[in-house]
Structure formats: C-alpha cells, structure tokens
C-alpha atoms as a PDB file:
ATOM      1  CA  UNK A   1      -0.102  -0.076  -0.050  1.00  0.00           C
ATOM      2  CA  UNK A   2       1.468   3.349  -0.761  1.00  0.00           C
ATOM      3  CA  UNK A   3       0.217   7.207  -0.508  1.00  0.00           C
ATOM      4  CA  UNK A   4       1.375  10.109  -2.270  1.00  0.00           C
ATOM      5  CA  UNK A   5       1.804  12.983   0.030  1.00  0.00           C
ATOM      6  CA  UNK A   6      -0.182  16.100  -1.288  1.00  0.00           C
ATOM      7  CA  UNK A   7       1.735  18.984  -2.794  1.00  0.00           C
ATOM      8  CA  UNK A   8       0.881  21.379   0.351  1.00  0.00           C
ATOM      9  CA  UNK A   9       2.893  19.108   2.481  1.00  0.00           C
ATOM     10  CA  UNK A  10       5.690  18.398   0.230  1.00  0.00           C
ATOM     11  CA  UNK A  11       6.026  22.112  -0.439  1.00  0.00           C
ATOM     12  CA  UNK A  12       6.248  22.801   3.212  1.00  0.00           C
ATOM     13  CA  UNK A  13       8.748  20.058   3.646  1.00  0.00           C
ATOM     14  CA  UNK A  14      10.927  21.729   0.536  1.00  0.00           C
ATOM     15  CA  UNK A  15      10.905  18.275  -1.609  1.00  0.00           C
ATOM     16  CA  UNK A  16       9.570  17.769  -4.857  1.00  0.00           C
ATOM     17  CA  UNK A  17       7.367  14.626  -4.014  1.00  0.00           C
ATOM     18  CA  UNK A  18       7.107  12.099  -1.410  1.00  0.00           C
ATOM     19  CA  UNK A  19       5.381   8.698  -1.263  1.00  0.00           C
ATOM     20  CA  UNK A  20       4.869   6.460   2.161  1.00  0.00           C
ATOM     21  CA  UNK A  21       4.899   2.937   1.590  1.00  0.00           C
ATOM     22  CA  UNK A  22       3.614  -0.247   3.779  1.00  0.00           C
ATOM     23  CA  UNK A  23       3.803  -3.913   2.981  1.00  0.00           C
ATOM     24  CA  UNK A  24       2.858  -6.848   5.158  1.00  0.00           C
ATOM     25  CA  UNK A  25       2.883 -10.516   4.835  1.00  0.00           C
ATOM     26  CA  UNK A  26       0.488 -13.185   7.108  1.00  0.00           C
ATOM     27  CA  UNK A  27      -1.258  -9.920   8.498  1.00  0.00           C
ATOM     28  CA  UNK A  28      -4.379 -12.103   9.349  1.00  0.00           C
ATOM     29  CA  UNK A  29      -4.977 -15.670   9.299  1.00  0.00           C
ATOM     30  CA  UNK A  30      -8.351 -16.977   8.044  1.00  0.00           C
ATOM     31  CA  UNK A  31      -8.716 -20.425   9.873  1.00  0.00           C
ATOM     32  CA  UNK A  32      -9.697 -20.066  13.629  1.00  0.00           C
ATOM     33  CA  UNK A  33      -7.548 -23.151  14.906  1.00  0.00           C
ATOM     34  CA  UNK A  34      -4.441 -22.222  13.608  1.00  0.00           C
ATOM     35  CA  UNK A  35      -4.558 -18.869  16.035  1.00  0.00           C
ATOM     36  CA  UNK A  36      -5.622 -21.444  18.860  1.00  0.00           C
ATOM     37  CA  UNK A  37      -2.844 -24.108  18.161  1.00  0.00           C
ATOM     38  CA  UNK A  38      -0.137 -21.530  16.837  1.00  0.00           C
ATOM     39  CA  UNK A  39       1.413 -24.056  14.241  1.00  0.00           C
ATOM     40  CA  UNK A  40       1.825 -23.782  10.392  1.00  0.00           C
ATOM     41  CA  UNK A  41      -0.379 -26.135   8.762  1.00  0.00           C
ATOM     42  CA  UNK A  42       1.910 -26.323   5.838  1.00  0.00           C
ATOM     43  CA  UNK A  43       4.348 -27.918   7.794  1.00  0.00           C
ATOM     44  CA  UNK A  44       4.442 -31.610   8.526  1.00  0.00           C
ATOM     45  CA  UNK A  45       5.697 -31.289  11.902  1.00  0.00           C
ATOM     46  CA  UNK A  46       3.220 -29.807  14.698  1.00  0.00           C
ATOM     47  CA  UNK A  47       6.178 -28.472  16.641  1.00  0.00           C
ATOM     48  CA  UNK A  48       7.113 -26.242  13.573  1.00  0.00           C
ATOM     49  CA  UNK A  49       7.375 -22.498  14.266  1.00  0.00           C
ATOM     50  CA  UNK A  50       4.095 -20.530  14.000  1.00  0.00           C
ATOM     51  CA  UNK A  51       3.436 -18.383  11.095  1.00  0.00           C
ATOM     52  CA  UNK A  52       5.523 -15.173  11.162  1.00  0.00           C
ATOM     53  CA  UNK A  53       4.236 -11.545  10.445  1.00  0.00           C
ATOM     54  CA  UNK A  54       6.431  -9.241   8.697  1.00  0.00           C
ATOM     55  CA  UNK A  55       5.989  -5.618   8.194  1.00  0.00           C
ATOM     56  CA  UNK A  56       7.829  -3.093   6.031  1.00  0.00           C
ATOM     57  CA  UNK A  57       7.520   0.746   5.931  1.00  0.00           C
ATOM     58  CA  UNK A  58       9.319   3.046   3.871  1.00  0.00           C
ATOM     59  CA  UNK A  59       9.621   6.703   2.473  1.00  0.00           C
ATOM     60  CA  UNK A  60      10.412   7.728  -1.071  1.00  0.00           C
ATOM     61  CA  UNK A  61      11.330  11.305  -1.391  1.00  0.00           C
ATOM     62  CA  UNK A  62      12.480  13.296  -4.364  1.00  0.00           C
ATOM     63  CA  UNK A  63      14.659  16.539  -3.822  1.00  0.00           C
ATOM     64  CA  UNK A  64      14.144  19.695  -5.747  1.00  0.00           C
ATOM     65  CA  UNK A  65      17.047  20.866  -8.045  1.00  0.00           C
ATOM     66  CA  UNK A  66      17.870  24.386  -7.923  1.00  0.00           C
ATOM     67  CA  UNK A  67      18.646  25.869 -11.346  1.00  0.00           C
ATOM     68  CA  UNK A  68      20.792  28.963 -11.450  1.00  0.00           C
END
C-alpha cells in the first residue's frame, strides 16, 4: 500500500514529491484453529514454528533541483 503526499505538505517540507509505503505478509489468518494451536498447517511437524508476520515501511522522497 502506498500514499502520495499532497503538494501542500511536500512544498512545506521543501521536496518535489514524497510517497509513504507499507507492506506486510501474514497480517491475518483465515482459519480459527491456527490461532489457537499456533502452528503452520503447511508443515508436516506440529512442533514447527508459528506463522510469522512481517511489516515493512518506507519513504520515497524526490528532492528539488535548484537551477541558477
């Protein structure tokens, strides 16, 4: 998911443009029993590590170029 900051904010920051990014995997699980038992159903071993959630956030900024 990304969000392009409006021009009023980027002008106040002194940049040409700015975009905020968010990415996540395994944010929610659709099966109730997995949350109760806490194991990965794709693993053959019930003692396997639980499903891990990952999050990533970022900012993409384009600076202004001054021409003299």
